[in-house]
Amino acid sequence: MKRIITHNGIMHADEITAIALIKLFIDKEIKITRVSHETAGFEDYDFIIDIGRKLDGKKYFDHHQYRGGKSSAGLIWNLIGKEKEYPKISKLIDIVDKNDVGIEKAKDFEYSNLLRCFNTKEYLDTIQDEAFLEAVSFAYTILKSFKEVEDSAKKAEEIVKNSYMFDSKPHILELDEFNPFWNVYVNGEKTPHIKVVVWKDVDSTYKAKIAPKSQGSFKLNTKPFTQDKLASFVHSAGYFAVFQSEENLKKYMEKYYKRI
């Protein structure tokens, strides 16, 4: 368990995020203490965040002693050392840093301002400490989701490499294993020749989805699917279809293939 101490009173995105990063990347078990800025004596703590008038990049992380444009969140992220491995998290931390040190104000619905909503009117009461724990949990959930997305995207690259053409058709890729981030590597920009991706799902149905024009785009890389009795479901937008058997999928793709 990591023992963490930070300031009490009004909470900010930087110390909340710094603590959430410690929980996600260093030790899931943490104990948080909030005290006044005048407090001295931190020998019993593993991390001193946004307090203490000292910065060593190992235990003390009072960014008010730092002039490099980083908040306590950015300093903890430096310690963790995974900036290149998790660019989405790095981008979020950069937004927190810039807002906290006065470089660029966060927009109304951005992460930093959402965390401000956890502050209570009784900011020197125990109710504020309880709200702080809720804010850390909120930040942890977001960071954990970002981490899982980027971890899954890396796994998707290997899955795509190990996949093969469905029914010997060069424009239809059958995934060796389903991963929701296949379109990072299969889309109209990176693999324009692949029009459709298919896979057998955990419920033993067969799914088919049309590759996007580009990653994250709603535009399709080929013509949409049409309704057919061979499919148990075809989305109204025509980008996704479900089949109860591989045979039905093959028959449907035989007809569909002539259109693309």
Protein backbone atom coordinates (compact mmCIF):
# COMPACT_ATOMS: atom_id res chain seq x y z
CA MET A 1 0.00 0.00 0.00
CA LYS A 2 1.23 3.47 -0.91
CA ARG A 3 0.59 6.22 1.62
CA ILE A 4 -0.15 9.54 -0.07
CA ILE A 5 -0.56 12.97 1.44
CA THR A 6 -1.91 16.07 -0.30
CA HIS A 7 -3.51 19.38 0.65
CA ASN A 8 -7.03 19.75 1.98
CA GLY A 9 -9.54 22.44 1.02
CA ILE A 10 -10.51 23.00 -2.60
CA MET A 11 -9.46 20.11 -4.80
CA HIS A 12 -7.90 20.46 -8.24
CA ALA A 13 -7.48 18.21 -11.25
CA ASP A 14 -3.70 17.96 -10.85
CA GLU A 15 -3.47 16.29 -7.43
CA ILE A 16 -6.56 14.17 -8.14
CA THR A 17 -5.03 12.93 -11.40
CA ALA A 18 -1.59 12.43 -9.87
CA ILE A 19 -3.08 10.16 -7.20
CA ALA A 20 -5.18 8.27 -9.77
CA LEU A 21 -2.02 7.68 -11.82
CA ILE A 22 -0.24 6.24 -8.77
CA LYS A 23 -3.21 3.94 -8.15
CA LEU A 24 -3.28 2.78 -11.80
CA PHE A 25 0.42 2.38 -12.55
CA ILE A 26 2.26 2.02 -9.23
CA ASP A 27 0.05 0.44 -6.56
CA LYS A 28 -3.69 -0.16 -6.65
CA GLU A 29 -3.78 -0.07 -2.84
CA ILE A 30 -3.45 3.53 -1.63
CA LYS A 31 -4.27 5.49 1.49
CA ILE A 32 -4.89 9.22 1.09
CA THR A 33 -4.45 11.86 3.79
CA ARG A 34 -5.45 15.50 3.24
CA VAL A 35 -3.91 18.20 5.43
CA SER A 36 -3.32 21.96 5.44
CA HIS A 37 -0.43 23.50 3.50
CA GLU A 38 1.20 24.46 6.79
CA THR A 39 1.70 20.81 7.77
CA ALA A 40 5.29 19.62 8.23
CA GLY A 41 6.82 16.19 8.71
CA PHE A 42 6.16 13.71 5.92
CA GLU A 43 8.39 10.80 6.93
CA ASP A 44 5.49 8.32 7.10
CA TYR A 45 4.35 8.88 3.51
CA ASP A 46 5.43 7.42 0.17
CA PHE A 47 4.22 10.34 -1.98
CA ILE A 48 3.76 13.99 -1.02
CA ILE A 49 1.59 15.52 -3.73
CA ASP A 50 1.08 19.26 -4.36
CA ILE A 51 2.27 20.13 -0.86
CA GLY A 52 5.46 20.25 1.22
CA ARG A 53 7.38 23.00 -0.60
CA LYS A 54 9.77 20.42 -2.00
CA LEU A 55 10.30 18.61 -5.28
CA ASP A 56 12.65 15.68 -5.87
CA GLY A 57 10.72 13.68 -8.49
CA LYS A 58 10.73 10.58 -6.28
CA LYS A 59 8.76 11.27 -3.13
CA TYR A 60 8.09 14.99 -3.10
CA PHE A 61 5.93 16.43 -5.88
CA ASP A 62 5.08 20.00 -4.98
CA HIS A 63 4.97 21.46 -8.48
CA HIS A 64 4.96 25.00 -7.07
CA GLN A 65 8.74 24.53 -6.85
CA TYR A 66 8.89 23.70 -10.58
CA ARG A 67 9.03 26.21 -13.43
CA GLY A 68 8.76 23.85 -16.38
CA GLY A 69 5.02 24.07 -17.05
CA LYS A 70 4.00 20.86 -15.32
CA SER A 71 1.57 20.27 -12.48
CA SER A 72 1.84 17.46 -9.94
CA ALA A 73 0.02 15.23 -12.46
CA GLY A 74 2.69 15.82 -15.10
CA LEU A 75 5.49 15.26 -12.60
CA ILE A 76 4.03 11.94 -11.46
CA TRP A 77 3.55 10.95 -15.11
CA ASN A 78 7.24 11.69 -15.68
CA LEU A 79 8.10 9.39 -12.79
CA ILE A 80 5.97 6.59 -14.23
CA GLY A 81 7.76 7.03 -17.56
CA LYS A 82 5.13 5.73 -19.99
CA GLU A 83 4.53 8.91 -22.02
CA LYS A 84 5.23 7.29 -25.40
CA GLU A 85 3.51 4.02 -24.53
CA TYR A 86 0.20 5.74 -23.69
CA PRO A 87 -0.17 8.86 -25.87
CA LYS A 88 -3.87 9.35 -25.02
CA ILE A 89 -3.07 9.56 -21.31
CA SER A 90 -0.13 11.85 -22.10
CA LYS A 91 -2.46 14.18 -23.99
CA LEU A 92 -4.88 14.28 -21.06
CA ILE A 93 -2.06 14.99 -18.59
CA ASP A 94 -0.82 17.81 -20.83
CA ILE A 95 -4.30 19.40 -20.73
CA VAL A 96 -4.32 19.14 -16.92
CA ASP A 97 -0.83 20.64 -16.68
CA LYS A 98 -1.56 23.58 -18.98
CA ASN A 99 -4.78 24.43 -17.18
CA ASP A 100 -3.26 24.14 -13.70
CA VAL A 101 -0.18 26.28 -14.32
CA GLY A 102 -2.04 28.93 -16.32
CA ILE A 103 -0.86 28.19 -19.86
CA GLU A 104 -4.20 27.24 -21.42
CA LYS A 105 -7.55 27.34 -19.66
CA ALA A 106 -9.60 24.14 -19.85
CA LYS A 107 -12.85 24.35 -21.81
CA ASP A 108 -16.21 24.07 -20.06
CA PHE A 109 -16.72 20.34 -20.54
CA GLU A 110 -13.11 19.21 -20.46
CA TYR A 111 -11.77 16.78 -17.90
CA SER A 112 -10.25 19.38 -15.54
CA ASN A 113 -13.49 21.30 -15.23
CA LEU A 114 -15.51 18.12 -14.72
CA LEU A 115 -13.29 17.27 -11.75
CA ARG A 116 -13.98 20.70 -10.24
CA CYS A 117 -17.63 19.62 -9.93
CA PHE A 118 -16.66 17.31 -7.05
CA ASN A 119 -15.89 20.28 -4.80
CA THR A 120 -18.45 20.89 -2.07
CA LYS A 121 -19.46 24.12 -0.32
CA GLU A 122 -18.03 22.68 2.89
CA TYR A 123 -14.52 22.40 1.49
CA LEU A 124 -12.83 22.19 4.91
CA ASP A 125 -15.21 19.52 6.20
CA THR A 126 -15.01 15.72 6.07
CA ILE A 127 -17.66 15.82 3.35
CA GLN A 128 -15.01 17.37 1.08
CA ASP A 129 -12.61 14.52 1.89
CA GLU A 130 -15.30 12.03 0.87
CA ALA A 131 -15.91 13.95 -2.35
CA PHE A 132 -12.15 13.91 -2.99
CA LEU A 133 -12.11 10.11 -2.88
CA GLU A 134 -15.01 10.07 -5.35
CA ALA A 135 -13.06 12.41 -7.65
CA VAL A 136 -9.99 10.14 -7.50
CA SER A 137 -12.22 7.17 -8.36
CA PHE A 138 -13.69 9.12 -11.31
CA ALA A 139 -10.22 10.06 -12.59
CA TYR A 140 -8.99 6.49 -12.10
CA THR A 141 -11.91 5.14 -14.16
CA ILE A 142 -11.12 7.48 -17.04
CA LEU A 143 -7.37 6.79 -16.99
CA LYS A 144 -7.94 3.05 -16.68
CA SER A 145 -10.27 3.16 -19.68
CA PHE A 146 -7.65 5.05 -21.73
CA LYS A 147 -5.02 2.51 -20.74
CA GLU A 148 -7.24 -0.44 -21.68
CA VAL A 149 -8.05 1.14 -25.04
CA GLU A 150 -4.38 1.62 -25.88
CA ASP A 151 -3.46 -1.85 -24.62
CA SER A 152 -6.24 -3.37 -26.71
CA ALA A 153 -5.19 -1.39 -29.77
CA LYS A 154 -1.69 -2.85 -29.50
CA LYS A 155 -3.16 -6.35 -29.26
CA ALA A 156 -5.37 -5.62 -32.28
CA GLU A 157 -2.30 -5.13 -34.44
CA GLU A 158 -1.13 -8.68 -33.72
CA ILE A 159 -4.63 -10.07 -34.30
CA VAL A 160 -4.88 -8.35 -37.69
CA LYS A 161 -1.44 -9.68 -38.67
CA ASN A 162 -2.55 -13.23 -37.79
CA SER A 163 -5.86 -12.99 -39.65
CA TYR A 164 -6.67 -14.33 -43.13
CA MET A 165 -8.94 -13.74 -46.09
CA PHE A 166 -12.45 -15.09 -45.64
CA ASP A 167 -13.57 -17.75 -48.12
CA SER A 168 -10.55 -16.90 -50.33
CA LYS A 169 -11.96 -13.43 -51.06
CA PRO A 170 -9.18 -10.80 -51.14
CA HIS A 171 -11.43 -7.94 -49.94
CA ILE A 172 -12.84 -9.69 -46.85
CA LEU A 173 -10.66 -10.24 -43.80
CA GLU A 174 -11.60 -12.82 -41.15
CA LEU A 175 -10.22 -11.90 -37.75
CA ASP A 176 -8.27 -14.61 -35.97
CA GLU A 177 -9.84 -13.24 -32.77
CA PHE A 178 -12.24 -10.33 -32.30
CA ASN A 179 -10.86 -7.05 -31.02
CA PRO A 180 -12.91 -3.81 -31.21
CA PHE A 181 -9.87 -1.80 -32.31
CA TRP A 182 -9.21 -3.64 -35.57
CA ASN A 183 -10.17 -0.48 -37.49
CA VAL A 184 -7.00 1.22 -36.21
CA TYR A 185 -5.17 -1.05 -38.68
CA VAL A 186 -7.92 -1.92 -41.16
CA ASN A 187 -9.41 1.11 -42.86
CA GLY A 188 -9.55 2.86 -46.22
CA GLU A 189 -6.28 4.69 -45.61
CA LYS A 190 -4.06 1.89 -44.29
CA THR A 191 -5.61 -1.13 -46.06
CA PRO A 192 -7.85 0.24 -48.83
CA HIS A 193 -8.22 -3.20 -50.45
CA ILE A 194 -9.99 -4.66 -47.39
CA LYS A 195 -13.65 -3.72 -47.54
CA VAL A 196 -15.21 -6.00 -44.91
CA VAL A 197 -14.09 -7.63 -41.67
CA VAL A 198 -15.82 -10.77 -40.35
CA TRP A 199 -15.41 -12.86 -37.20
CA LYS A 200 -16.97 -15.60 -35.13
CA ASP A 201 -18.21 -14.07 -31.88
CA VAL A 202 -18.28 -15.58 -28.38
CA ASP A 203 -22.01 -16.28 -28.76
CA SER A 204 -21.22 -18.49 -31.82
CA THR A 205 -22.83 -16.06 -34.24
CA TYR A 206 -20.89 -14.62 -37.17
CA LYS A 207 -20.52 -10.86 -37.45
CA ALA A 208 -19.57 -8.70 -40.40
CA LYS A 209 -18.61 -5.05 -40.41
CA ILE A 210 -17.60 -2.75 -43.24
CA ALA A 211 -14.22 -1.06 -42.80
CA PRO A 212 -14.34 2.73 -42.37
CA LYS A 213 -12.82 5.20 -44.84
CA SER A 214 -10.45 6.22 -42.08
CA GLN A 215 -9.98 5.38 -38.42
CA GLY A 216 -12.89 6.76 -36.40
CA SER A 217 -14.88 7.80 -39.48
CA PHE A 218 -18.56 6.98 -40.04
CA LYS A 219 -17.95 6.89 -43.80
CA LEU A 220 -17.73 3.36 -45.22
CA ASN A 221 -14.93 2.03 -47.40
CA THR A 222 -17.43 0.32 -49.70
CA LYS A 223 -21.17 -0.12 -50.32
CA PRO A 224 -23.39 -0.79 -47.30
CA PHE A 225 -24.99 -4.13 -46.49
CA THR A 226 -28.60 -4.61 -47.51
CA GLN A 227 -31.40 -6.47 -45.78
CA ASP A 228 -31.50 -10.18 -46.57
CA LYS A 229 -33.15 -13.26 -45.04
CA LEU A 230 -29.70 -14.87 -44.72
CA ALA A 231 -28.85 -12.30 -42.02
CA SER A 232 -30.57 -12.30 -38.66
CA PHE A 233 -29.80 -8.59 -38.34
CA VAL A 234 -28.58 -5.82 -40.63
CA HIS A 235 -28.09 -2.35 -39.19
CA SER A 236 -30.23 0.34 -40.81
CA ALA A 237 -27.06 2.26 -41.74
CA GLY A 238 -25.77 -0.88 -43.50
CA TYR A 239 -22.37 -1.09 -41.83
CA PHE A 240 -22.96 -4.14 -39.61
CA ALA A 241 -24.67 -7.55 -39.96
CA VAL A 242 -25.17 -10.69 -37.87
CA PHE A 243 -25.46 -14.27 -39.14
CA GLN A 244 -26.50 -17.40 -37.27
CA SER A 245 -24.09 -19.65 -39.16
CA GLU A 246 -20.92 -19.51 -41.21
CA GLU A 247 -22.84 -20.97 -44.12
CA ASN A 248 -25.30 -18.08 -44.11
CA LEU A 249 -22.40 -15.63 -43.92
CA LYS A 250 -20.73 -17.28 -46.92
CA LYS A 251 -23.92 -17.23 -49.00
CA TYR A 252 -24.57 -13.60 -48.13
CA MET A 253 -21.01 -12.59 -48.97
CA GLU A 254 -21.20 -14.39 -52.31
CA LYS A 255 -24.04 -12.07 -53.30
CA TYR A 256 -22.59 -9.00 -51.63
CA TYR A 257 -19.14 -9.55 -53.14
CA LYS A 258 -20.51 -8.99 -56.64
CA ARG A 259 -21.53 -5.46 -55.65
CA ILE A 260 -18.20 -4.22 -54.33
